[in-house]
Amino acid sequence: MDIRVQEAAFDLGDEARAFAERQRGMGAVVTFTGIVRDLDGGDLDVMEIEHYPGMTEAAIEKIGQEALSRWNLGDILVIHRYGRLRPDDLIMMVATSARHRVDAFQGAEFLMDFLKSRAPFWKKEVTGQDAAWVAARDEDEDALSRW
């Protein structure tokens, strides 16, 4: 399992390729990449993401261990950025491998739902006129109920 919380950008192609090349005996690799989405009015300047070093990695590691225990996964990669990100920047990546695609997909979805709702990141949307912390959304919380 590879968990990285970093300020620096990452290369999606390089990360996905390197992850896939490390998998032996696996029949499936699933990747998901989150991208900073602009506001409906198109006026997001930056999204500021904060976290507590050490605590964040430990929380993601714990949910990664839970995913490994629930599904027959070969490996997990989670990259999540922090700092000042602009619309269309890559914000996070999840990759899972498994002998069979169902395990890889379900493991990845489980990790993504956790990252969206429970990982200790705080996000602030900054526009030219205002800055506001992003509140939890009911639909993100509802997604956790299936697990």
N, C-alpha and C. Protein backbone atom coordinates (compact mmCIF):
# COMPACT_ATOMS: atom_id res chain seq x y z
N MET A 1 0.86 -1.17 0.00
CA MET A 1 0.00 0.00 0.00
C MET A 1 0.91 1.23 0.00
N ASP A 2 0.57 2.16 -0.87
CA ASP A 2 1.34 3.41 -1.01
C ASP A 2 0.38 4.57 -0.79
N ILE A 3 0.57 5.30 0.31
CA ILE A 3 -0.27 6.45 0.67
C ILE A 3 0.62 7.68 0.63
N ARG A 4 0.24 8.67 -0.19
CA ARG A 4 1.02 9.90 -0.28
C ARG A 4 0.11 11.11 -0.15
N VAL A 5 0.44 11.98 0.76
CA VAL A 5 -0.23 13.27 0.90
C VAL A 5 0.85 14.29 0.60
N GLN A 6 0.64 15.05 -0.47
CA GLN A 6 1.72 15.90 -0.98
C GLN A 6 1.19 17.19 -1.55
N GLU A 7 2.05 18.19 -1.55
CA GLU A 7 1.71 19.47 -2.15
C GLU A 7 1.98 19.46 -3.66
N ALA A 8 2.99 18.74 -4.06
CA ALA A 8 3.43 18.73 -5.46
C ALA A 8 2.41 18.04 -6.37
N ALA A 9 2.36 18.51 -7.60
CA ALA A 9 1.54 17.86 -8.63
C ALA A 9 2.10 16.47 -8.92
N PHE A 10 1.27 15.61 -9.48
CA PHE A 10 1.72 14.28 -9.88
C PHE A 10 1.33 14.05 -11.33
N ASP A 11 2.04 13.16 -11.99
CA ASP A 11 1.76 12.82 -13.37
C ASP A 11 0.87 11.58 -13.39
N LEU A 12 -0.37 11.75 -13.80
CA LEU A 12 -1.34 10.66 -13.78
C LEU A 12 -0.86 9.47 -14.59
N GLY A 13 -0.37 9.71 -15.79
CA GLY A 13 0.08 8.61 -16.64
C GLY A 13 1.24 7.85 -16.03
N ASP A 14 2.21 8.57 -15.50
CA ASP A 14 3.37 7.92 -14.88
C ASP A 14 2.94 7.10 -13.66
N GLU A 15 2.08 7.68 -12.83
CA GLU A 15 1.64 6.98 -11.62
C GLU A 15 0.84 5.73 -11.97
N ALA A 16 -0.10 5.84 -12.91
CA ALA A 16 -0.92 4.69 -13.29
C ALA A 16 -0.05 3.59 -13.92
N ARG A 17 0.86 3.98 -14.77
CA ARG A 17 1.75 3.01 -15.42
C ARG A 17 2.62 2.30 -14.39
N ALA A 18 3.24 3.06 -13.50
CA ALA A 18 4.12 2.46 -12.50
C ALA A 18 3.34 1.52 -11.58
N PHE A 19 2.14 1.93 -11.19
CA PHE A 19 1.31 1.07 -10.35
C PHE A 19 0.99 -0.23 -11.07
N ALA A 20 0.52 -0.14 -12.30
CA ALA A 20 0.15 -1.34 -13.07
C ALA A 20 1.35 -2.26 -13.28
N GLU A 21 2.51 -1.69 -13.52
CA GLU A 21 3.70 -2.51 -13.77
C GLU A 21 4.15 -3.27 -12.53
N ARG A 22 3.80 -2.79 -11.34
CA ARG A 22 4.17 -3.48 -10.09
C ARG A 22 3.26 -4.67 -9.79
N GLN A 23 2.15 -4.76 -10.46
CA GLN A 23 1.16 -5.79 -10.13
C GLN A 23 1.53 -7.12 -10.80
N ARG A 24 1.66 -8.15 -10.01
CA ARG A 24 1.95 -9.49 -10.52
C ARG A 24 0.79 -10.40 -10.14
N GLY A 25 0.29 -11.14 -11.12
CA GLY A 25 -0.79 -12.07 -10.86
C GLY A 25 -2.16 -11.42 -10.74
N MET A 26 -2.24 -10.13 -10.99
CA MET A 26 -3.51 -9.43 -10.90
C MET A 26 -4.16 -9.40 -12.28
N GLY A 27 -5.48 -9.41 -12.30
CA GLY A 27 -6.20 -9.35 -13.56
C GLY A 27 -6.84 -8.00 -13.83
N ALA A 28 -6.79 -7.11 -12.84
CA ALA A 28 -7.47 -5.82 -13.01
C ALA A 28 -6.74 -4.73 -12.23
N VAL A 29 -6.69 -3.57 -12.84
CA VAL A 29 -6.24 -2.35 -12.18
C VAL A 29 -7.31 -1.30 -12.44
N VAL A 30 -7.78 -0.66 -11.38
CA VAL A 30 -8.77 0.41 -11.49
C VAL A 30 -8.12 1.68 -10.97
N THR A 31 -8.29 2.76 -11.72
CA THR A 31 -7.80 4.06 -11.25
C THR A 31 -8.93 5.08 -11.31
N PHE A 32 -8.85 6.02 -10.38
CA PHE A 32 -9.77 7.15 -10.36
C PHE A 32 -8.94 8.38 -10.07
N THR A 33 -9.24 9.46 -10.77
CA THR A 33 -8.53 10.70 -10.54
C THR A 33 -9.55 11.81 -10.28
N GLY A 34 -9.36 12.52 -9.18
CA GLY A 34 -10.20 13.67 -8.86
C GLY A 34 -9.55 14.93 -9.39
N ILE A 35 -10.38 15.82 -9.92
CA ILE A 35 -9.92 17.07 -10.53
C ILE A 35 -10.64 18.23 -9.83
N VAL A 36 -9.92 19.31 -9.56
CA VAL A 36 -10.55 20.48 -8.95
C VAL A 36 -11.59 21.01 -9.93
N ARG A 37 -12.82 21.04 -9.47
CA ARG A 37 -13.95 21.47 -10.29
C ARG A 37 -14.21 22.95 -10.04
N ASP A 38 -14.40 23.69 -11.11
CA ASP A 38 -14.72 25.12 -10.99
C ASP A 38 -16.13 25.26 -10.42
N LEU A 39 -16.43 26.40 -9.87
CA LEU A 39 -17.78 26.70 -9.40
C LEU A 39 -18.71 26.89 -10.59
N ASP A 40 -20.00 26.78 -10.36
CA ASP A 40 -20.98 26.91 -11.44
C ASP A 40 -20.80 28.22 -12.22
N GLY A 41 -20.47 29.29 -11.53
CA GLY A 41 -20.27 30.58 -12.20
C GLY A 41 -18.91 30.73 -12.85
N GLY A 42 -18.05 29.73 -12.68
CA GLY A 42 -16.73 29.78 -13.29
C GLY A 42 -15.79 30.77 -12.63
N ASP A 43 -16.03 31.07 -11.35
CA ASP A 43 -15.21 32.11 -10.72
C ASP A 43 -14.32 31.61 -9.59
N LEU A 44 -14.03 30.31 -9.55
CA LEU A 44 -13.11 29.80 -8.54
C LEU A 44 -11.68 30.19 -8.92
N ASP A 45 -11.03 30.91 -8.03
CA ASP A 45 -9.61 31.24 -8.26
C ASP A 45 -8.73 30.08 -7.82
N VAL A 46 -8.90 29.67 -6.57
CA VAL A 46 -8.15 28.54 -6.04
C VAL A 46 -8.98 27.80 -5.00
N MET A 47 -8.61 26.54 -4.80
CA MET A 47 -9.12 25.77 -3.68
C MET A 47 -7.93 25.56 -2.75
N GLU A 48 -8.07 25.98 -1.52
CA GLU A 48 -7.02 25.79 -0.53
C GLU A 48 -7.36 24.55 0.29
N ILE A 49 -6.44 23.60 0.33
CA ILE A 49 -6.67 22.35 1.05
C ILE A 49 -5.67 22.26 2.19
N GLU A 50 -6.20 22.04 3.38
CA GLU A 50 -5.37 21.90 4.57
C GLU A 50 -5.53 20.50 5.15
N HIS A 51 -4.53 20.08 5.93
CA HIS A 51 -4.59 18.79 6.62
C HIS A 51 -3.60 18.82 7.78
N TYR A 52 -3.70 17.81 8.65
CA TYR A 52 -2.74 17.64 9.73
C TYR A 52 -1.78 16.52 9.35
N PRO A 53 -0.53 16.85 9.06
CA PRO A 53 0.45 15.81 8.69
C PRO A 53 0.52 14.73 9.77
N GLY A 54 0.64 13.52 9.33
CA GLY A 54 0.67 12.38 10.25
C GLY A 54 -0.72 11.85 10.52
N MET A 55 -1.62 12.69 10.96
CA MET A 55 -2.99 12.27 11.23
C MET A 55 -3.68 11.87 9.93
N THR A 56 -3.49 12.65 8.89
CA THR A 56 -4.15 12.38 7.62
C THR A 56 -3.68 11.06 7.03
N GLU A 57 -2.37 10.87 6.98
CA GLU A 57 -1.83 9.62 6.43
C GLU A 57 -2.30 8.41 7.24
N ALA A 58 -2.33 8.55 8.57
CA ALA A 58 -2.78 7.45 9.42
C ALA A 58 -4.25 7.10 9.15
N ALA A 59 -5.08 8.11 8.96
CA ALA A 59 -6.50 7.87 8.68
C ALA A 59 -6.67 7.16 7.34
N ILE A 60 -5.92 7.58 6.33
CA ILE A 60 -6.03 6.95 5.01
C ILE A 60 -5.48 5.52 5.07
N GLU A 61 -4.39 5.34 5.78
CA GLU A 61 -3.81 4.00 5.96
C GLU A 61 -4.82 3.05 6.61
N LYS A 62 -5.53 3.55 7.62
CA LYS A 62 -6.53 2.72 8.31
C LYS A 62 -7.64 2.28 7.36
N ILE A 63 -8.14 3.19 6.56
CA ILE A 63 -9.21 2.81 5.64
C ILE A 63 -8.67 1.92 4.53
N GLY A 64 -7.41 2.13 4.14
CA GLY A 64 -6.77 1.23 3.17
C GLY A 64 -6.69 -0.19 3.71
N GLN A 65 -6.33 -0.32 4.98
CA GLN A 65 -6.29 -1.66 5.61
C GLN A 65 -7.68 -2.29 5.64
N GLU A 66 -8.69 -1.47 5.88
CA GLU A 66 -10.06 -2.00 5.87
C GLU A 66 -10.44 -2.48 4.47
N ALA A 67 -10.07 -1.71 3.44
CA ALA A 67 -10.35 -2.13 2.06
C ALA A 67 -9.65 -3.46 1.75
N LEU A 68 -8.41 -3.60 2.19
CA LEU A 68 -7.68 -4.85 1.96
C LEU A 68 -8.35 -6.03 2.64
N SER A 69 -8.97 -5.79 3.80
CA SER A 69 -9.63 -6.89 4.51
C SER A 69 -11.00 -7.23 3.91
N ARG A 70 -11.64 -6.27 3.26
CA ARG A 70 -12.98 -6.50 2.70
C ARG A 70 -12.95 -7.12 1.31
N TRP A 71 -11.96 -6.76 0.52
CA TRP A 71 -11.89 -7.24 -0.86
C TRP A 71 -10.54 -7.90 -1.09
N ASN A 72 -10.49 -8.75 -2.07
CA ASN A 72 -9.26 -9.47 -2.40
C ASN A 72 -8.39 -8.57 -3.29
N LEU A 73 -7.82 -7.54 -2.67
CA LEU A 73 -7.00 -6.57 -3.40
C LEU A 73 -5.54 -6.97 -3.34
N GLY A 74 -4.85 -6.70 -4.44
CA GLY A 74 -3.41 -6.94 -4.47
C GLY A 74 -2.64 -5.76 -3.91
N ASP A 75 -3.07 -4.54 -4.24
CA ASP A 75 -2.34 -3.36 -3.83
C ASP A 75 -3.26 -2.15 -3.90
N ILE A 76 -2.84 -1.09 -3.22
CA ILE A 76 -3.58 0.18 -3.18
C ILE A 76 -2.59 1.32 -3.32
N LEU A 77 -2.99 2.33 -4.09
CA LEU A 77 -2.26 3.59 -4.17
C LEU A 77 -3.25 4.71 -3.91
N VAL A 78 -2.91 5.62 -3.02
CA VAL A 78 -3.70 6.83 -2.79
C VAL A 78 -2.74 8.01 -2.79
N ILE A 79 -3.00 8.96 -3.66
CA ILE A 79 -2.27 10.22 -3.67
C ILE A 79 -3.30 11.32 -3.47
N HIS A 80 -3.05 12.20 -2.50
CA HIS A 80 -3.96 13.33 -2.28
C HIS A 80 -3.12 14.57 -2.07
N ARG A 81 -3.45 15.61 -2.79
CA ARG A 81 -2.70 16.86 -2.71
C ARG A 81 -3.30 17.80 -1.67
N TYR A 82 -2.48 18.74 -1.23
CA TYR A 82 -2.91 19.83 -0.37
C TYR A 82 -2.25 21.11 -0.87
N GLY A 83 -2.65 22.23 -0.32
CA GLY A 83 -2.10 23.52 -0.73
C GLY A 83 -3.10 24.26 -1.60
N ARG A 84 -2.58 25.12 -2.44
CA ARG A 84 -3.42 25.95 -3.32
C ARG A 84 -3.51 25.30 -4.70
N LEU A 85 -4.71 24.86 -5.07
CA LEU A 85 -4.94 24.22 -6.35
C LEU A 85 -5.93 25.04 -7.17
N ARG A 86 -5.72 25.06 -8.45
CA ARG A 86 -6.58 25.81 -9.37
C ARG A 86 -7.56 24.87 -10.06
N PRO A 87 -8.64 25.41 -10.62
CA PRO A 87 -9.56 24.56 -11.39
C PRO A 87 -8.80 23.77 -12.45
N ASP A 88 -9.17 22.53 -12.60
CA ASP A 88 -8.60 21.57 -13.55
C ASP A 88 -7.30 20.94 -13.07
N ASP A 89 -6.78 21.32 -11.90
CA ASP A 89 -5.62 20.63 -11.34
C ASP A 89 -6.05 19.26 -10.84
N LEU A 90 -5.16 18.29 -10.92
CA LEU A 90 -5.41 16.98 -10.32
C LEU A 90 -5.29 17.13 -8.82
N ILE A 91 -6.31 16.65 -8.11
CA ILE A 91 -6.31 16.77 -6.65
C ILE A 91 -6.01 15.45 -5.97
N MET A 92 -6.43 14.33 -6.56
CA MET A 92 -6.19 13.04 -5.93
C MET A 92 -6.27 11.91 -6.94
N MET A 93 -5.71 10.78 -6.52
CA MET A 93 -5.75 9.57 -7.35
C MET A 93 -5.88 8.37 -6.42
N VAL A 94 -6.72 7.43 -6.83
CA VAL A 94 -6.84 6.14 -6.16
C VAL A 94 -6.60 5.08 -7.22
N ALA A 95 -5.80 4.08 -6.87
CA ALA A 95 -5.62 2.92 -7.76
C ALA A 95 -5.70 1.67 -6.90
N THR A 96 -6.37 0.67 -7.43
CA THR A 96 -6.44 -0.63 -6.77
C THR A 96 -6.15 -1.71 -7.79
N SER A 97 -5.62 -2.82 -7.30
CA SER A 97 -5.44 -3.99 -8.17
C SER A 97 -6.07 -5.19 -7.49
N ALA A 98 -6.51 -6.13 -8.31
CA ALA A 98 -7.11 -7.36 -7.80
C ALA A 98 -7.06 -8.41 -8.91
N ARG A 99 -7.24 -9.65 -8.52
CA ARG A 99 -7.29 -10.71 -9.53
C ARG A 99 -8.54 -10.55 -10.41
N HIS A 100 -9.59 -9.99 -9.82
CA HIS A 100 -10.85 -9.85 -10.55
C HIS A 100 -11.35 -8.41 -10.45
N ARG A 101 -11.98 -7.94 -11.50
CA ARG A 101 -12.36 -6.53 -11.62
C ARG A 101 -13.35 -6.06 -10.55
N VAL A 102 -14.28 -6.91 -10.13
CA VAL A 102 -15.26 -6.50 -9.14
C VAL A 102 -14.58 -6.05 -7.85
N ASP A 103 -13.61 -6.82 -7.39
CA ASP A 103 -12.89 -6.43 -6.18
C ASP A 103 -12.15 -5.11 -6.39
N ALA A 104 -11.51 -4.96 -7.54
CA ALA A 104 -10.76 -3.73 -7.82
C ALA A 104 -11.68 -2.52 -7.86
N PHE A 105 -12.83 -2.65 -8.53
CA PHE A 105 -13.78 -1.53 -8.60
C PHE A 105 -14.37 -1.21 -7.23
N GLN A 106 -14.82 -2.23 -6.50
CA GLN A 106 -15.45 -1.97 -5.21
C GLN A 106 -14.45 -1.40 -4.20
N GLY A 107 -13.23 -1.92 -4.21
CA GLY A 107 -12.21 -1.38 -3.32
C GLY A 107 -11.92 0.08 -3.63
N ALA A 108 -11.83 0.40 -4.91
CA ALA A 108 -11.57 1.80 -5.30
C ALA A 108 -12.73 2.69 -4.90
N GLU A 109 -13.96 2.26 -5.14
CA GLU A 109 -15.12 3.09 -4.77
C GLU A 109 -15.19 3.31 -3.26
N PHE A 110 -14.91 2.28 -2.49
CA PHE A 110 -14.89 2.39 -1.04
C PHE A 110 -13.86 3.45 -0.61
N LEU A 111 -12.67 3.38 -1.16
CA LEU A 111 -11.63 4.35 -0.83
C LEU A 111 -12.03 5.76 -1.23
N MET A 112 -12.61 5.91 -2.41
CA MET A 112 -13.01 7.24 -2.86
C MET A 112 -14.10 7.83 -1.97
N ASP A 113 -15.08 7.01 -1.59
CA ASP A 113 -16.14 7.50 -0.71
C ASP A 113 -15.57 7.93 0.63
N PHE A 114 -14.63 7.16 1.17
CA PHE A 114 -14.00 7.54 2.43
C PHE A 114 -13.24 8.85 2.27
N LEU A 115 -12.43 8.96 1.23
CA LEU A 115 -11.63 10.17 1.04
C LEU A 115 -12.51 11.41 0.93
N LYS A 116 -13.64 11.28 0.28
CA LYS A 116 -14.55 12.41 0.09
C LYS A 116 -15.21 12.84 1.41
N SER A 117 -15.51 11.88 2.27
CA SER A 117 -16.34 12.18 3.44
C SER A 117 -15.64 12.11 4.79
N ARG A 118 -14.58 11.33 4.89
CA ARG A 118 -14.01 11.08 6.22
C ARG A 118 -12.52 11.42 6.35
N ALA A 119 -11.82 11.54 5.26
CA ALA A 119 -10.39 11.86 5.37
C ALA A 119 -10.25 13.28 5.93
N PRO A 120 -9.32 13.50 6.84
CA PRO A 120 -9.20 14.81 7.48
C PRO A 120 -8.50 15.85 6.59
N PHE A 121 -9.26 16.32 5.61
CA PHE A 121 -8.84 17.44 4.77
C PHE A 121 -9.89 18.54 4.93
N TRP A 122 -9.44 19.79 4.90
CA TRP A 122 -10.35 20.92 4.95
C TRP A 122 -10.11 21.74 3.70
N LYS A 123 -11.22 22.06 3.01
CA LYS A 123 -11.13 22.74 1.71
C LYS A 123 -11.83 24.09 1.78
N LYS A 124 -11.16 25.08 1.25
CA LYS A 124 -11.72 26.43 1.18
C LYS A 124 -11.72 26.87 -0.29
N GLU A 125 -12.89 27.31 -0.76
CA GLU A 125 -13.01 27.84 -2.12
C GLU A 125 -12.80 29.35 -2.08
N VAL A 126 -11.86 29.82 -2.89
CA VAL A 126 -11.51 31.24 -2.91
C VAL A 126 -11.86 31.81 -4.27
N THR A 127 -12.68 32.87 -4.26
CA THR A 127 -13.01 33.59 -5.48
C THR A 127 -12.48 35.01 -5.34
N GLY A 128 -12.65 35.81 -6.36
CA GLY A 128 -12.21 37.20 -6.29
C GLY A 128 -12.98 38.00 -5.26
N GLN A 129 -14.17 37.53 -4.88
CA GLN A 129 -15.02 38.28 -3.95
C GLN A 129 -15.10 37.67 -2.56
N ASP A 130 -14.78 36.39 -2.42
CA ASP A 130 -15.11 35.70 -1.16
C ASP A 130 -14.22 34.47 -0.98
N ALA A 131 -14.24 33.96 0.22
CA ALA A 131 -13.62 32.67 0.54
C ALA A 131 -14.57 31.94 1.49
N ALA A 132 -14.82 30.66 1.22
CA ALA A 132 -15.76 29.90 2.05
C ALA A 132 -15.27 28.46 2.18
N TRP A 133 -15.37 27.94 3.41
CA TRP A 133 -15.05 26.54 3.64
C TRP A 133 -16.11 25.66 2.99
N VAL A 134 -15.69 24.56 2.43
CA VAL A 134 -16.60 23.63 1.77
C VAL A 134 -17.27 22.77 2.84
N ALA A 135 -18.58 22.77 2.86
CA ALA A 135 -19.35 21.99 3.84
C ALA A 135 -19.55 20.57 3.34
N ALA A 136 -19.74 19.65 4.27
CA ALA A 136 -20.07 18.28 3.93
C ALA A 136 -21.39 18.25 3.17
N ARG A 137 -21.50 17.36 2.20
CA ARG A 137 -22.72 17.24 1.41
C ARG A 137 -23.47 15.97 1.79
N ASP A 138 -24.79 16.06 1.84
CA ASP A 138 -25.60 14.91 2.21
C ASP A 138 -25.37 13.72 1.29
N GLU A 139 -25.23 13.97 -0.01
CA GLU A 139 -25.05 12.85 -0.95
C GLU A 139 -23.72 12.13 -0.73
N ASP A 140 -22.70 12.85 -0.27
CA ASP A 140 -21.43 12.20 0.05
C ASP A 140 -21.56 11.32 1.28
N GLU A 141 -22.29 11.81 2.28
CA GLU A 141 -22.54 11.01 3.47
C GLU A 141 -23.39 9.80 3.14
N ASP A 142 -24.40 9.99 2.28
CA ASP A 142 -25.26 8.88 1.89
C ASP A 142 -24.48 7.77 1.18
N ALA A 143 -23.45 8.15 0.42
CA ALA A 143 -22.65 7.16 -0.30
C ALA A 143 -21.97 6.20 0.65
N LEU A 144 -21.66 6.64 1.86
CA LEU A 144 -21.00 5.77 2.83
C LEU A 144 -21.92 4.68 3.36
N SER A 145 -23.23 4.90 3.30
CA SER A 145 -24.17 3.94 3.89
C SER A 145 -24.16 2.60 3.16
N ARG A 146 -23.72 2.56 1.93
CA ARG A 146 -23.69 1.27 1.22
C ARG A 146 -22.56 0.37 1.68
N TRP A 147 -21.60 0.91 2.40
CA TRP A 147 -20.47 0.11 2.87
C TRP A 147 -20.70 -0.38 4.28
